[in-house]
Amino acid sequence: MQHLGNLLPLAGEKSPELVGDLLDRLEKAGVPYVIEAGTALDMLGNEVALDKPDPWQARIWIAAGFADLALPILAEVDMQFGRRRVPMTFEPRGRGPGWNV
């Protein structure tokens, strides 16, 4: 998996409820994270003109040293929401859209 600095991509998600539950559990476990969310994420790092908002989505990054804690939490949340997560593709921002969810 490629990463940006010492941050690793954990998940890209379109369900605000799942994201809220995941972030709550990451915080309780002491996992440092960064979240990007909104209806214009495709514009980050790209020159894209939107004529209307995209569907809401979020990208969650974690500090690389906490992957062993974060991945089981993500699996638990996915199971609770009946999800089977497929591996995301990730490209650094300078080379393309960044995330495909």
Protein backbone atom coordinates (compact mmCIF):
# COMPACT_ATOMS: atom_id res chain seq x y z
CA MET A 1 0.00 0.00 0.00
CA GLN A 2 1.35 3.43 -0.87
CA HIS A 3 1.15 6.17 1.71
CA LEU A 4 1.58 9.91 2.01
CA GLY A 5 4.18 10.76 4.64
CA ASN A 6 3.34 8.86 7.77
CA LEU A 7 -0.40 8.73 7.00
CA LEU A 8 -2.03 5.63 5.54
CA PRO A 9 -5.42 5.58 3.82
CA LEU A 10 -7.81 3.54 5.96
CA ALA A 11 -11.13 3.88 4.16
CA GLY A 12 -13.15 5.74 1.61
CA GLU A 13 -16.82 5.73 2.50
CA LYS A 14 -20.16 7.15 1.37
CA SER A 15 -22.19 6.38 4.52
CA PRO A 16 -22.09 9.18 7.12
CA GLU A 17 -23.42 6.75 9.73
CA LEU A 18 -20.61 4.28 9.15
CA VAL A 19 -18.03 7.08 9.18
CA GLY A 20 -19.41 8.42 12.46
CA ASP A 21 -19.24 5.00 14.10
CA LEU A 22 -15.75 4.36 12.74
CA LEU A 23 -14.41 7.71 13.97
CA ASP A 24 -15.97 7.20 17.39
CA ARG A 25 -14.24 3.84 17.73
CA LEU A 26 -10.91 5.16 16.43
CA GLU A 27 -11.01 7.97 18.98
CA LYS A 28 -11.87 5.62 21.84
CA ALA A 29 -8.96 3.36 20.82
CA GLY A 30 -6.58 6.31 20.67
CA VAL A 31 -5.90 6.03 16.93
CA PRO A 32 -4.81 9.36 15.40
CA TYR A 33 -6.72 10.06 12.18
CA VAL A 34 -7.45 12.68 9.54
CA ILE A 35 -10.73 12.91 7.67
CA GLU A 36 -11.54 14.60 4.37
CA ALA A 37 -15.26 14.79 3.69
CA GLY A 38 -17.73 16.62 1.55
CA THR A 39 -19.41 16.87 -1.81
CA ALA A 40 -16.45 18.16 -3.82
CA LEU A 41 -13.65 15.72 -2.94
CA ASP A 42 -12.84 15.09 -6.58
CA MET A 43 -11.68 18.71 -6.75
CA LEU A 44 -8.88 18.13 -4.21
CA GLY A 45 -5.63 18.10 -6.14
CA ASN A 46 -7.43 18.20 -9.50
CA GLU A 47 -8.66 20.93 -11.76
CA VAL A 48 -12.23 19.68 -12.02
CA ALA A 49 -15.23 21.93 -12.51
CA LEU A 50 -18.43 20.74 -10.88
CA ASP A 51 -21.83 21.87 -12.08
CA LYS A 52 -23.49 20.35 -9.00
CA PRO A 53 -22.33 18.72 -5.76
CA ASP A 54 -21.16 15.13 -5.93
CA PRO A 55 -22.68 12.63 -3.49
CA TRP A 56 -21.21 13.00 0.01
CA GLN A 57 -18.15 10.90 0.70
CA ALA A 58 -15.32 10.74 3.20
CA ARG A 59 -11.71 9.61 3.19
CA ILE A 60 -10.16 8.51 6.46
CA TRP A 61 -6.41 8.44 6.98
CA ILE A 62 -4.60 7.05 10.02
CA ALA A 63 -1.13 7.48 11.47
CA ALA A 64 0.93 4.66 9.97
CA GLY A 65 2.04 3.28 13.32
CA PHE A 66 -1.58 2.57 14.32
CA ALA A 67 -2.61 0.31 11.44
CA ASP A 68 -2.62 -2.78 13.68
CA LEU A 69 -5.23 -1.10 15.90
CA ALA A 70 -7.27 0.54 13.15
CA LEU A 71 -7.74 -2.34 10.72
CA PRO A 72 -9.63 -4.60 13.17
CA ILE A 73 -11.82 -1.63 14.14
CA LEU A 74 -12.65 -1.04 10.47
CA ALA A 75 -13.46 -4.74 10.04
CA GLU A 76 -15.81 -4.65 13.06
CA VAL A 77 -17.63 -1.58 11.77
CA ASP A 78 -17.91 -3.09 8.30
CA MET A 79 -19.36 -6.27 9.78
CA GLN A 80 -21.87 -4.26 11.82
CA PHE A 81 -22.98 -2.43 8.66
CA GLY A 82 -23.03 -5.60 6.57
CA ARG A 83 -20.17 -4.46 4.37
CA ARG A 84 -17.44 -6.33 2.61
CA ARG A 85 -14.77 -3.81 1.82
CA VAL A 86 -12.76 -4.19 -1.34
CA PRO A 87 -9.21 -2.83 -1.29
CA MET A 88 -9.07 0.80 -2.34
CA THR A 89 -6.77 2.08 -4.99
CA PHE A 90 -4.73 5.05 -3.93
CA GLU A 91 -2.53 7.47 -5.81
CA PRO A 92 -0.69 10.40 -4.28
CA ARG A 93 -2.53 13.64 -4.92
CA GLY A 94 0.06 14.89 -7.38
CA ARG A 95 -0.65 11.98 -9.74
CA GLY A 96 -4.39 11.81 -9.98
CA PRO A 97 -7.68 11.75 -8.18
CA GLY A 98 -6.27 10.13 -5.05
CA TRP A 99 -8.99 7.72 -4.07
CA ASN A 100 -11.39 5.50 -5.86
CA VAL A 101 -14.19 4.31 -3.59
